[in-house]
N, C-alpha and C. Protein backbone atom coordinates (compact mmCIF):
# COMPACT_ATOMS: atom_id res chain seq x y z
N MET A 1 0.85 -1.17 0.00
CA MET A 1 0.00 0.00 0.00
C MET A 1 0.90 1.23 0.00
N SER A 2 0.53 2.25 -0.74
CA SER A 2 1.30 3.47 -0.82
C SER A 2 0.43 4.67 -0.48
N LEU A 3 0.89 5.48 0.45
CA LEU A 3 0.17 6.67 0.85
C LEU A 3 1.11 7.86 0.74
N ASN A 4 0.85 8.77 -0.22
CA ASN A 4 1.65 9.98 -0.33
C ASN A 4 3.15 9.67 -0.32
N SER A 5 3.59 8.80 -1.16
CA SER A 5 4.98 8.35 -1.31
C SER A 5 5.49 7.61 -0.08
N GLU A 6 4.60 7.23 0.81
CA GLU A 6 4.97 6.35 1.91
C GLU A 6 4.42 4.96 1.61
N HIS A 7 5.12 3.95 2.08
CA HIS A 7 4.77 2.57 1.73
C HIS A 7 4.57 1.73 2.98
N CYS A 8 3.51 0.94 2.99
CA CYS A 8 3.24 0.00 4.06
C CYS A 8 3.53 -1.40 3.52
N VAL A 9 4.38 -2.12 4.22
CA VAL A 9 4.81 -3.45 3.79
C VAL A 9 4.62 -4.41 4.96
N ALA A 10 4.21 -5.62 4.67
CA ALA A 10 4.12 -6.66 5.69
C ALA A 10 4.37 -8.00 5.00
N GLY A 11 4.75 -8.97 5.79
CA GLY A 11 4.99 -10.29 5.22
C GLY A 11 5.04 -11.35 6.29
N LYS A 12 5.24 -12.56 5.83
CA LYS A 12 5.37 -13.69 6.74
C LYS A 12 6.75 -14.32 6.58
N ASP A 13 7.32 -14.74 7.70
CA ASP A 13 8.56 -15.49 7.68
C ASP A 13 8.27 -16.83 7.00
N ILE A 14 9.04 -17.17 6.00
CA ILE A 14 8.81 -18.39 5.22
C ILE A 14 8.86 -19.63 6.12
N ASN A 15 9.74 -19.63 7.11
CA ASN A 15 9.91 -20.81 7.96
C ASN A 15 8.87 -20.90 9.08
N THR A 16 8.64 -19.80 9.79
CA THR A 16 7.74 -19.84 10.95
C THR A 16 6.30 -19.48 10.60
N LYS A 17 6.11 -18.82 9.45
CA LYS A 17 4.81 -18.31 9.00
C LYS A 17 4.25 -17.25 9.95
N GLU A 18 5.14 -16.63 10.73
CA GLU A 18 4.76 -15.54 11.63
C GLU A 18 4.81 -14.22 10.86
N TRP A 19 3.85 -13.34 11.16
CA TRP A 19 3.80 -12.03 10.52
C TRP A 19 4.87 -11.09 11.05
N PHE A 20 5.32 -10.18 10.20
CA PHE A 20 6.14 -9.05 10.62
C PHE A 20 5.78 -7.86 9.74
N ARG A 21 5.93 -6.66 10.29
CA ARG A 21 5.65 -5.44 9.55
C ARG A 21 6.86 -4.53 9.70
N PRO A 22 7.64 -4.35 8.62
CA PRO A 22 8.76 -3.40 8.69
C PRO A 22 8.22 -1.97 8.78
N VAL A 23 8.75 -1.19 9.72
CA VAL A 23 8.35 0.20 9.89
C VAL A 23 9.59 1.08 9.95
N SER A 24 9.41 2.37 9.72
CA SER A 24 10.57 3.27 9.63
C SER A 24 11.10 3.72 10.98
N ASP A 25 10.25 3.70 12.02
CA ASP A 25 10.70 4.19 13.32
C ASP A 25 9.88 3.55 14.43
N GLU A 26 10.20 3.90 15.67
CA GLU A 26 9.52 3.31 16.83
C GLU A 26 8.03 3.60 16.86
N SER A 27 7.60 4.68 16.23
CA SER A 27 6.18 5.03 16.24
C SER A 27 5.37 4.23 15.20
N GLY A 28 6.05 3.40 14.41
CA GLY A 28 5.36 2.59 13.42
C GLY A 28 5.16 3.28 12.09
N GLY A 29 6.00 4.28 11.80
CA GLY A 29 5.86 5.06 10.58
C GLY A 29 6.03 4.23 9.31
N ALA A 30 5.34 4.66 8.25
CA ALA A 30 5.44 4.01 6.94
C ALA A 30 6.86 4.16 6.39
N LEU A 31 7.18 3.37 5.39
CA LEU A 31 8.51 3.35 4.81
C LEU A 31 8.60 4.27 3.59
N SER A 32 9.78 4.78 3.33
CA SER A 32 10.02 5.57 2.12
C SER A 32 10.25 4.62 0.95
N LEU A 33 10.20 5.15 -0.25
CA LEU A 33 10.47 4.33 -1.43
C LEU A 33 11.86 3.70 -1.34
N LYS A 34 12.83 4.45 -0.88
CA LYS A 34 14.20 3.93 -0.75
C LYS A 34 14.23 2.73 0.19
N GLN A 35 13.42 2.76 1.26
CA GLN A 35 13.43 1.68 2.24
C GLN A 35 12.77 0.40 1.75
N VAL A 36 11.95 0.45 0.71
CA VAL A 36 11.27 -0.76 0.21
C VAL A 36 11.91 -1.30 -1.07
N MET A 37 13.07 -0.79 -1.42
CA MET A 37 13.72 -1.26 -2.64
C MET A 37 14.38 -2.62 -2.42
N CYS A 38 14.21 -3.52 -3.40
CA CYS A 38 14.80 -4.86 -3.38
C CYS A 38 15.79 -4.97 -4.53
N THR A 39 16.86 -5.65 -4.28
CA THR A 39 17.85 -5.91 -5.32
C THR A 39 17.60 -7.30 -5.90
N ASN A 40 17.64 -7.39 -7.23
CA ASN A 40 17.62 -8.69 -7.89
C ASN A 40 18.66 -8.62 -9.01
N PRO A 41 18.87 -9.68 -9.78
CA PRO A 41 19.92 -9.66 -10.81
C PRO A 41 19.75 -8.55 -11.86
N TYR A 42 18.56 -7.94 -11.95
CA TYR A 42 18.30 -6.94 -12.99
C TYR A 42 18.35 -5.51 -12.47
N GLY A 43 18.53 -5.33 -11.17
CA GLY A 43 18.59 -3.98 -10.62
C GLY A 43 17.87 -3.88 -9.30
N GLN A 44 17.38 -2.67 -9.01
CA GLN A 44 16.64 -2.43 -7.77
C GLN A 44 15.22 -1.99 -8.11
N TYR A 45 14.25 -2.60 -7.41
CA TYR A 45 12.84 -2.34 -7.67
C TYR A 45 12.08 -2.34 -6.34
N PRO A 46 10.95 -1.63 -6.27
CA PRO A 46 10.15 -1.68 -5.04
C PRO A 46 9.62 -3.09 -4.78
N ALA A 47 9.56 -3.46 -3.51
CA ALA A 47 9.00 -4.76 -3.11
C ALA A 47 7.57 -4.89 -3.61
N LYS A 48 7.22 -6.10 -4.02
CA LYS A 48 5.88 -6.37 -4.55
C LYS A 48 5.27 -7.54 -3.79
N PRO A 49 3.93 -7.64 -3.83
CA PRO A 49 3.28 -8.78 -3.17
C PRO A 49 3.80 -10.11 -3.70
N MET A 50 3.90 -11.05 -2.78
CA MET A 50 4.28 -12.45 -3.04
C MET A 50 5.75 -12.64 -3.40
N GLN A 51 6.57 -11.60 -3.30
CA GLN A 51 7.99 -11.80 -3.49
C GLN A 51 8.60 -12.39 -2.23
N LYS A 52 9.55 -13.29 -2.44
CA LYS A 52 10.34 -13.78 -1.32
C LYS A 52 11.53 -12.84 -1.20
N ILE A 53 11.70 -12.25 -0.04
CA ILE A 53 12.74 -11.25 0.15
C ILE A 53 13.59 -11.64 1.35
N ILE A 54 14.89 -11.59 1.16
CA ILE A 54 15.81 -11.80 2.28
C ILE A 54 16.08 -10.42 2.87
N MET A 55 15.77 -10.26 4.16
CA MET A 55 15.98 -8.97 4.81
C MET A 55 16.38 -9.19 6.26
N THR A 56 17.11 -8.24 6.78
CA THR A 56 17.46 -8.22 8.19
C THR A 56 16.71 -7.07 8.81
N LEU A 57 15.95 -7.35 9.85
CA LEU A 57 15.18 -6.31 10.50
C LEU A 57 15.88 -5.85 11.77
N GLY A 58 15.57 -4.63 12.15
CA GLY A 58 16.13 -4.07 13.38
C GLY A 58 15.31 -4.51 14.58
N GLN A 59 15.22 -3.63 15.56
CA GLN A 59 14.57 -3.98 16.81
C GLN A 59 13.05 -4.11 16.67
N HIS A 60 12.50 -4.95 17.54
CA HIS A 60 11.05 -5.14 17.61
C HIS A 60 10.47 -3.91 18.28
N VAL A 61 9.52 -3.23 17.62
CA VAL A 61 8.90 -2.01 18.15
C VAL A 61 7.38 -2.18 18.13
N PRO A 62 6.85 -3.13 18.92
CA PRO A 62 5.42 -3.42 18.87
C PRO A 62 4.58 -2.25 19.38
N LYS A 63 3.38 -2.15 18.83
CA LYS A 63 2.37 -1.22 19.32
C LYS A 63 1.18 -2.07 19.77
N MET A 64 0.36 -1.52 20.61
CA MET A 64 -0.78 -2.29 21.11
C MET A 64 -1.70 -2.73 19.98
N ASN A 65 -1.81 -1.91 18.94
CA ASN A 65 -2.69 -2.25 17.83
C ASN A 65 -1.93 -2.88 16.65
N GLN A 66 -0.61 -2.92 16.72
CA GLN A 66 0.20 -3.54 15.66
C GLN A 66 1.44 -4.20 16.29
N PRO A 67 1.25 -5.37 16.90
CA PRO A 67 2.35 -6.01 17.62
C PRO A 67 3.46 -6.59 16.73
N GLU A 68 3.25 -6.64 15.43
CA GLU A 68 4.25 -7.25 14.53
C GLU A 68 5.30 -6.27 14.03
N ASN A 69 5.31 -5.05 14.49
CA ASN A 69 6.20 -4.02 13.95
C ASN A 69 7.67 -4.26 14.31
N PHE A 70 8.52 -4.16 13.28
CA PHE A 70 9.97 -4.20 13.45
C PHE A 70 10.55 -3.02 12.69
N GLN A 71 11.45 -2.30 13.36
CA GLN A 71 12.08 -1.15 12.72
C GLN A 71 13.11 -1.64 11.70
N VAL A 72 13.10 -1.04 10.51
CA VAL A 72 14.07 -1.42 9.48
C VAL A 72 15.43 -0.85 9.86
N ASN A 73 16.46 -1.48 9.31
CA ASN A 73 17.81 -0.94 9.44
C ASN A 73 18.32 -0.62 8.04
N ASP A 74 19.58 -0.37 7.90
CA ASP A 74 20.13 0.03 6.61
C ASP A 74 20.49 -1.14 5.70
N SER A 75 20.17 -2.37 6.10
CA SER A 75 20.55 -3.52 5.28
C SER A 75 19.74 -3.54 3.98
N ASN A 76 20.35 -4.10 2.96
CA ASN A 76 19.75 -4.19 1.64
C ASN A 76 18.77 -5.36 1.59
N TRP A 77 17.59 -5.14 1.01
CA TRP A 77 16.63 -6.21 0.80
C TRP A 77 16.98 -6.88 -0.53
N VAL A 78 16.97 -8.21 -0.54
CA VAL A 78 17.32 -8.96 -1.75
C VAL A 78 16.15 -9.86 -2.12
N GLN A 79 15.66 -9.71 -3.35
CA GLN A 79 14.58 -10.56 -3.84
C GLN A 79 15.13 -11.96 -4.07
N HIS A 80 14.43 -12.95 -3.55
CA HIS A 80 14.84 -14.34 -3.68
C HIS A 80 13.66 -15.15 -4.21
N TYR A 81 13.40 -14.98 -5.50
CA TYR A 81 12.30 -15.65 -6.19
C TYR A 81 10.95 -15.08 -5.76
N LYS A 82 9.90 -15.81 -6.05
CA LYS A 82 8.54 -15.35 -5.79
C LYS A 82 7.72 -16.53 -5.31
N LEU A 83 6.75 -16.26 -4.46
CA LEU A 83 5.84 -17.28 -4.00
C LEU A 83 4.91 -17.65 -5.15
N ALA A 84 4.77 -18.93 -5.42
CA ALA A 84 3.86 -19.38 -6.48
C ALA A 84 2.42 -19.24 -6.01
N GLU A 85 1.51 -18.95 -6.94
CA GLU A 85 0.09 -18.78 -6.61
C GLU A 85 -0.45 -19.95 -5.79
N ASN A 86 -0.04 -21.17 -6.15
CA ASN A 86 -0.58 -22.35 -5.45
C ASN A 86 0.01 -22.52 -4.05
N GLU A 87 1.04 -21.74 -3.70
CA GLU A 87 1.63 -21.80 -2.36
C GLU A 87 0.92 -20.88 -1.36
N LEU A 88 0.15 -19.94 -1.85
CA LEU A 88 -0.45 -18.92 -1.01
C LEU A 88 -1.30 -19.52 0.11
N GLU A 89 -2.05 -20.56 -0.20
CA GLU A 89 -2.93 -21.16 0.80
C GLU A 89 -2.16 -21.80 1.96
N ASN A 90 -0.87 -22.09 1.76
CA ASN A 90 -0.05 -22.64 2.84
C ASN A 90 0.21 -21.63 3.95
N TYR A 91 -0.09 -20.37 3.70
CA TYR A 91 0.21 -19.30 4.65
C TYR A 91 -1.05 -18.69 5.26
N LEU A 92 -2.21 -19.32 5.06
CA LEU A 92 -3.46 -18.79 5.58
C LEU A 92 -3.49 -18.78 7.11
N ASP A 93 -4.15 -17.76 7.65
CA ASP A 93 -4.44 -17.68 9.07
C ASP A 93 -5.88 -18.14 9.28
N LEU A 94 -6.19 -18.61 10.49
CA LEU A 94 -7.52 -19.15 10.76
C LEU A 94 -8.14 -18.53 12.02
N PRO A 95 -8.24 -17.21 12.07
CA PRO A 95 -8.88 -16.62 13.26
C PRO A 95 -10.38 -16.90 13.24
N ASN A 96 -11.00 -16.81 14.43
CA ASN A 96 -12.45 -16.99 14.50
C ASN A 96 -13.18 -15.86 13.79
N ASP A 97 -12.64 -14.64 13.91
CA ASP A 97 -13.22 -13.48 13.25
C ASP A 97 -12.11 -12.48 12.99
N LEU A 98 -12.45 -11.40 12.33
CA LEU A 98 -11.48 -10.35 12.00
C LEU A 98 -11.64 -9.21 13.00
N TRP A 99 -11.19 -9.43 14.23
CA TRP A 99 -11.24 -8.45 15.31
C TRP A 99 -12.67 -7.98 15.57
N GLY A 100 -13.60 -8.91 15.57
CA GLY A 100 -15.00 -8.56 15.78
C GLY A 100 -15.77 -8.57 14.47
N ARG A 101 -16.98 -8.02 14.51
CA ARG A 101 -17.90 -8.16 13.38
C ARG A 101 -18.07 -6.92 12.52
N ASN A 102 -17.52 -5.78 12.91
CA ASN A 102 -17.75 -4.57 12.10
C ASN A 102 -16.47 -4.13 11.39
N ASP A 103 -16.37 -2.88 10.98
CA ASP A 103 -15.23 -2.43 10.17
C ASP A 103 -14.16 -1.69 10.97
N ARG A 104 -14.30 -1.66 12.31
CA ARG A 104 -13.33 -0.92 13.14
C ARG A 104 -13.28 -1.48 14.55
N VAL A 105 -12.20 -1.14 15.25
CA VAL A 105 -12.02 -1.53 16.65
C VAL A 105 -11.73 -0.26 17.44
N SER A 106 -12.36 -0.13 18.60
CA SER A 106 -12.14 1.04 19.45
C SER A 106 -10.69 1.08 19.93
N PHE A 107 -9.99 2.17 19.63
CA PHE A 107 -8.61 2.29 20.09
C PHE A 107 -8.56 2.38 21.61
N ASN A 108 -9.54 3.01 22.23
CA ASN A 108 -9.57 3.12 23.69
C ASN A 108 -9.65 1.74 24.33
N LYS A 109 -10.44 0.84 23.74
CA LYS A 109 -10.55 -0.52 24.29
C LYS A 109 -9.23 -1.29 24.12
N ILE A 110 -8.50 -1.01 23.04
CA ILE A 110 -7.18 -1.62 22.87
C ILE A 110 -6.22 -1.02 23.90
N HIS A 111 -6.24 0.30 24.02
CA HIS A 111 -5.32 1.02 24.92
C HIS A 111 -5.52 0.63 26.38
N THR A 112 -6.76 0.40 26.80
CA THR A 112 -7.05 0.05 28.19
C THR A 112 -6.92 -1.45 28.45
N GLY A 113 -6.66 -2.24 27.41
CA GLY A 113 -6.50 -3.68 27.58
C GLY A 113 -7.80 -4.46 27.55
N ASN A 114 -8.92 -3.80 27.26
CA ASN A 114 -10.19 -4.52 27.14
C ASN A 114 -10.23 -5.39 25.90
N ILE A 115 -9.48 -4.99 24.88
CA ILE A 115 -9.30 -5.81 23.67
C ILE A 115 -7.80 -6.00 23.49
N ILE A 116 -7.37 -7.23 23.39
CA ILE A 116 -5.96 -7.55 23.19
C ILE A 116 -5.77 -7.94 21.72
N ILE A 117 -4.91 -7.21 21.04
CA ILE A 117 -4.61 -7.51 19.63
C ILE A 117 -3.35 -8.37 19.60
N GLN A 118 -3.51 -9.65 19.29
CA GLN A 118 -2.36 -10.54 19.21
C GLN A 118 -1.75 -10.52 17.80
N ASN A 119 -2.59 -10.29 16.78
CA ASN A 119 -2.15 -10.16 15.39
C ASN A 119 -2.94 -9.02 14.78
N SER A 120 -2.26 -8.14 14.07
CA SER A 120 -2.97 -7.06 13.37
C SER A 120 -2.99 -7.33 11.87
N LEU A 121 -2.58 -8.51 11.48
CA LEU A 121 -2.56 -8.92 10.08
C LEU A 121 -3.08 -10.34 9.97
N TYR A 122 -3.94 -10.56 8.99
CA TYR A 122 -4.41 -11.91 8.71
C TYR A 122 -4.43 -12.13 7.20
N LEU A 123 -4.06 -13.33 6.80
CA LEU A 123 -4.24 -13.78 5.42
C LEU A 123 -5.36 -14.82 5.50
N VAL A 124 -6.51 -14.49 4.93
CA VAL A 124 -7.69 -15.35 5.09
C VAL A 124 -8.35 -15.66 3.75
N LYS A 125 -8.95 -16.83 3.71
CA LYS A 125 -9.76 -17.23 2.55
C LYS A 125 -11.20 -16.85 2.86
N VAL A 126 -11.83 -16.12 1.94
CA VAL A 126 -13.18 -15.60 2.17
C VAL A 126 -14.14 -16.13 1.11
N GLU A 127 -15.42 -15.91 1.33
CA GLU A 127 -16.45 -16.30 0.37
C GLU A 127 -17.21 -15.07 -0.08
N ASP A 128 -17.85 -15.17 -1.23
CA ASP A 128 -18.70 -14.10 -1.78
C ASP A 128 -17.98 -12.76 -1.87
N LEU A 129 -16.74 -12.78 -2.33
CA LEU A 129 -15.93 -11.56 -2.43
C LEU A 129 -16.44 -10.68 -3.56
N LYS A 130 -16.71 -9.42 -3.22
CA LYS A 130 -17.13 -8.43 -4.22
C LYS A 130 -16.31 -7.16 -4.03
N LEU A 131 -15.77 -6.64 -5.14
CA LEU A 131 -15.04 -5.37 -5.13
C LEU A 131 -15.95 -4.32 -5.72
N PHE A 132 -15.98 -3.13 -5.12
CA PHE A 132 -16.82 -2.07 -5.66
C PHE A 132 -16.33 -0.71 -5.17
N VAL A 133 -16.80 0.32 -5.84
CA VAL A 133 -16.53 1.69 -5.42
C VAL A 133 -17.84 2.24 -4.87
N SER A 134 -17.79 2.77 -3.65
CA SER A 134 -19.00 3.27 -2.99
C SER A 134 -19.49 4.56 -3.65
N ASN A 135 -20.67 5.00 -3.25
CA ASN A 135 -21.25 6.23 -3.80
C ASN A 135 -20.37 7.46 -3.57
N ASN A 136 -19.56 7.43 -2.50
CA ASN A 136 -18.66 8.56 -2.24
C ASN A 136 -17.24 8.32 -2.76
N GLY A 137 -17.11 7.35 -3.69
CA GLY A 137 -15.84 7.13 -4.38
C GLY A 137 -14.80 6.32 -3.63
N LYS A 138 -15.17 5.64 -2.56
CA LYS A 138 -14.23 4.84 -1.77
C LYS A 138 -14.17 3.41 -2.29
N ARG A 139 -12.96 2.86 -2.34
CA ARG A 139 -12.75 1.47 -2.76
C ARG A 139 -13.12 0.55 -1.59
N ARG A 140 -13.97 -0.42 -1.86
CA ARG A 140 -14.49 -1.29 -0.81
C ARG A 140 -14.50 -2.75 -1.25
N CYS A 141 -14.49 -3.64 -0.27
CA CYS A 141 -14.66 -5.09 -0.48
C CYS A 141 -15.74 -5.57 0.46
N SER A 142 -16.64 -6.38 -0.05
CA SER A 142 -17.58 -7.07 0.82
C SER A 142 -17.31 -8.56 0.65
N PHE A 143 -17.47 -9.29 1.75
CA PHE A 143 -17.17 -10.72 1.74
C PHE A 143 -17.70 -11.34 3.02
N SER A 144 -17.69 -12.66 3.03
CA SER A 144 -18.07 -13.42 4.21
C SER A 144 -16.85 -14.19 4.68
N TYR A 145 -16.59 -14.11 5.99
CA TYR A 145 -15.51 -14.91 6.58
C TYR A 145 -16.06 -15.60 7.83
N ASN A 146 -15.96 -16.91 7.85
CA ASN A 146 -16.40 -17.71 8.98
C ASN A 146 -17.85 -17.40 9.36
N GLY A 147 -18.69 -17.19 8.35
CA GLY A 147 -20.10 -16.93 8.56
C GLY A 147 -20.44 -15.49 8.93
N ILE A 148 -19.44 -14.61 8.95
CA ILE A 148 -19.65 -13.20 9.30
C ILE A 148 -19.49 -12.37 8.04
N GLN A 149 -20.44 -11.47 7.80
CA GLN A 149 -20.39 -10.60 6.63
C GLN A 149 -19.59 -9.33 6.98
N TYR A 150 -18.65 -8.95 6.11
CA TYR A 150 -17.84 -7.75 6.30
C TYR A 150 -17.94 -6.86 5.07
N GLU A 151 -17.79 -5.57 5.28
CA GLU A 151 -17.58 -4.61 4.21
C GLU A 151 -16.47 -3.67 4.69
N LEU A 152 -15.31 -3.74 4.03
CA LEU A 152 -14.13 -3.02 4.49
C LEU A 152 -13.54 -2.16 3.39
N ALA A 153 -12.82 -1.12 3.81
CA ALA A 153 -12.06 -0.30 2.87
C ALA A 153 -10.95 -1.14 2.26
N ALA A 154 -10.66 -0.89 0.99
CA ALA A 154 -9.60 -1.61 0.28
C ALA A 154 -8.48 -0.65 -0.08
N THR A 155 -7.25 -1.02 0.27
CA THR A 155 -6.09 -0.19 -0.03
C THR A 155 -5.12 -0.87 -0.99
N ASP A 156 -5.48 -2.03 -1.51
CA ASP A 156 -4.62 -2.74 -2.46
C ASP A 156 -4.37 -1.84 -3.66
N PRO A 157 -3.08 -1.57 -4.00
CA PRO A 157 -2.78 -0.70 -5.14
C PRO A 157 -3.31 -1.24 -6.47
N MET A 158 -3.61 -2.53 -6.54
CA MET A 158 -4.11 -3.15 -7.78
C MET A 158 -5.64 -3.15 -7.84
N PHE A 159 -6.30 -2.54 -6.87
CA PHE A 159 -7.76 -2.60 -6.78
C PHE A 159 -8.43 -2.18 -8.09
N ASP A 160 -8.06 -1.02 -8.62
CA ASP A 160 -8.72 -0.52 -9.83
C ASP A 160 -8.55 -1.48 -11.00
N SER A 161 -7.35 -2.02 -11.13
CA SER A 161 -7.09 -2.97 -12.20
C SER A 161 -7.92 -4.25 -12.02
N LEU A 162 -7.99 -4.74 -10.79
CA LEU A 162 -8.78 -5.94 -10.52
C LEU A 162 -10.26 -5.70 -10.79
N LEU A 163 -10.74 -4.50 -10.48
CA LEU A 163 -12.14 -4.17 -10.68
C LEU A 163 -12.48 -4.07 -12.17
N LYS A 164 -11.56 -3.52 -12.97
CA LYS A 164 -11.80 -3.32 -14.40
C LYS A 164 -11.71 -4.61 -15.20
N THR A 165 -10.82 -5.48 -14.80
CA THR A 165 -10.66 -6.74 -15.52
C THR A 165 -11.52 -7.80 -14.85
N ASN A 166 -11.86 -8.80 -15.56
CA ASN A 166 -12.67 -9.88 -14.99
C ASN A 166 -11.78 -11.03 -14.54
N VAL A 167 -10.67 -10.68 -13.90
CA VAL A 167 -9.76 -11.70 -13.42
C VAL A 167 -10.46 -12.54 -12.36
N ILE A 168 -10.22 -13.83 -12.37
CA ILE A 168 -10.81 -14.72 -11.39
C ILE A 168 -9.95 -14.67 -10.13
N LEU A 169 -10.56 -14.25 -9.04
CA LEU A 169 -9.84 -14.11 -7.78
C LEU A 169 -9.93 -15.40 -6.97
N LYS A 170 -8.89 -15.66 -6.18
CA LYS A 170 -8.87 -16.85 -5.32
C LYS A 170 -9.72 -16.66 -4.07
N GLY A 171 -10.10 -15.42 -3.80
CA GLY A 171 -10.84 -15.15 -2.57
C GLY A 171 -9.96 -15.16 -1.35
N ILE A 172 -8.70 -14.79 -1.53
CA ILE A 172 -7.75 -14.70 -0.42
C ILE A 172 -7.43 -13.23 -0.22
N LEU A 173 -7.53 -12.77 1.04
CA LEU A 173 -7.29 -11.37 1.37
C LEU A 173 -6.26 -11.25 2.48
N CYS A 174 -5.42 -10.23 2.38
CA CYS A 174 -4.60 -9.81 3.50
C CYS A 174 -5.36 -8.65 4.14
N VAL A 175 -5.80 -8.86 5.38
CA VAL A 175 -6.57 -7.85 6.10
C VAL A 175 -5.69 -7.32 7.23
N SER A 176 -5.65 -6.00 7.34
CA SER A 176 -4.78 -5.34 8.31
C SER A 176 -5.59 -4.44 9.22
N LEU A 177 -5.18 -4.35 10.46
CA LEU A 177 -5.77 -3.40 11.40
C LEU A 177 -4.91 -2.14 11.33
N GLY A 178 -5.51 -1.04 10.92
CA GLY A 178 -4.78 0.19 10.66
C GLY A 178 -4.41 0.95 11.92
N GLU A 179 -3.77 2.09 11.70
CA GLU A 179 -3.41 3.01 12.77
C GLU A 179 -4.66 3.61 13.38
N GLU A 180 -4.53 4.20 14.56
CA GLU A 180 -5.65 4.88 15.20
C GLU A 180 -6.04 6.11 14.39
N TYR A 181 -7.32 6.26 14.14
CA TYR A 181 -7.86 7.42 13.42
C TYR A 181 -9.20 7.78 14.04
N LEU A 182 -9.28 8.95 14.62
CA LEU A 182 -10.50 9.45 15.26
C LEU A 182 -11.08 8.44 16.25
N GLY A 183 -10.19 7.83 17.03
CA GLY A 183 -10.63 6.93 18.10
C GLY A 183 -10.81 5.48 17.72
N TYR A 184 -10.55 5.14 16.45
CA TYR A 184 -10.73 3.76 15.99
C TYR A 184 -9.53 3.29 15.18
N CYS A 185 -9.34 1.98 15.17
CA CYS A 185 -8.41 1.34 14.25
C CYS A 185 -9.30 0.64 13.21
N TYR A 186 -9.22 1.12 11.98
CA TYR A 186 -10.07 0.56 10.92
C TYR A 186 -9.43 -0.69 10.32
N LYS A 187 -10.29 -1.60 9.90
CA LYS A 187 -9.85 -2.83 9.22
C LYS A 187 -9.73 -2.53 7.74
N LEU A 188 -8.60 -2.91 7.14
CA LEU A 188 -8.32 -2.58 5.75
C LEU A 188 -7.98 -3.85 4.97
N VAL A 189 -8.49 -3.94 3.75
CA VAL A 189 -8.08 -5.02 2.85
C VAL A 189 -6.85 -4.52 2.12
N ALA A 190 -5.68 -5.00 2.54
CA ALA A 190 -4.40 -4.51 2.01
C ALA A 190 -4.00 -5.19 0.71
N SER A 191 -4.37 -6.46 0.55
CA SER A 191 -4.04 -7.20 -0.68
C SER A 191 -5.19 -8.14 -1.01
N ILE A 192 -5.42 -8.28 -2.31
CA ILE A 192 -6.52 -9.10 -2.82
C ILE A 192 -5.92 -10.12 -3.79
N TYR A 193 -6.20 -11.40 -3.57
CA TYR A 193 -5.69 -12.46 -4.45
C TYR A 193 -6.85 -13.30 -4.97
């Protein structure tokens, strides 16, 4: 996801299948374009979904709403092949729900410990996936997960392309719990497969 030349990146360790989110600083800041560049035999390019990347992360800087945060260091990211489409299901998460039943979580409840966020990222297989643009121009996804109907904001940079083409989707989503905004952490569809 890219916001005003800032980039949000997350991934899973190939061996442990544990999530991590590289961030620019202790506050969980987004990364610059320079920080998301990967080297491969053809040059340097921004990291892309499903790439296998060898990277060394700095210190663990967890937040109550994003416990997977690790501060990046100056080490070079190296692309090491790509995850095959048929491998994606090997990395699915199986939570009971996506942090409740609606599109946001109260930051105050997280801050006071009434809600404990153990993972702020999930890769889930969903049913009845629909992509659409709302009446006010917002990119949205509706879907069912574990019998619960959701409608969430979509930040996948490929959203418009996926919407315009009739590509057959696997119904796999990377869903992220965002930063606090006006008292809530909103649930975002960060990647659509």
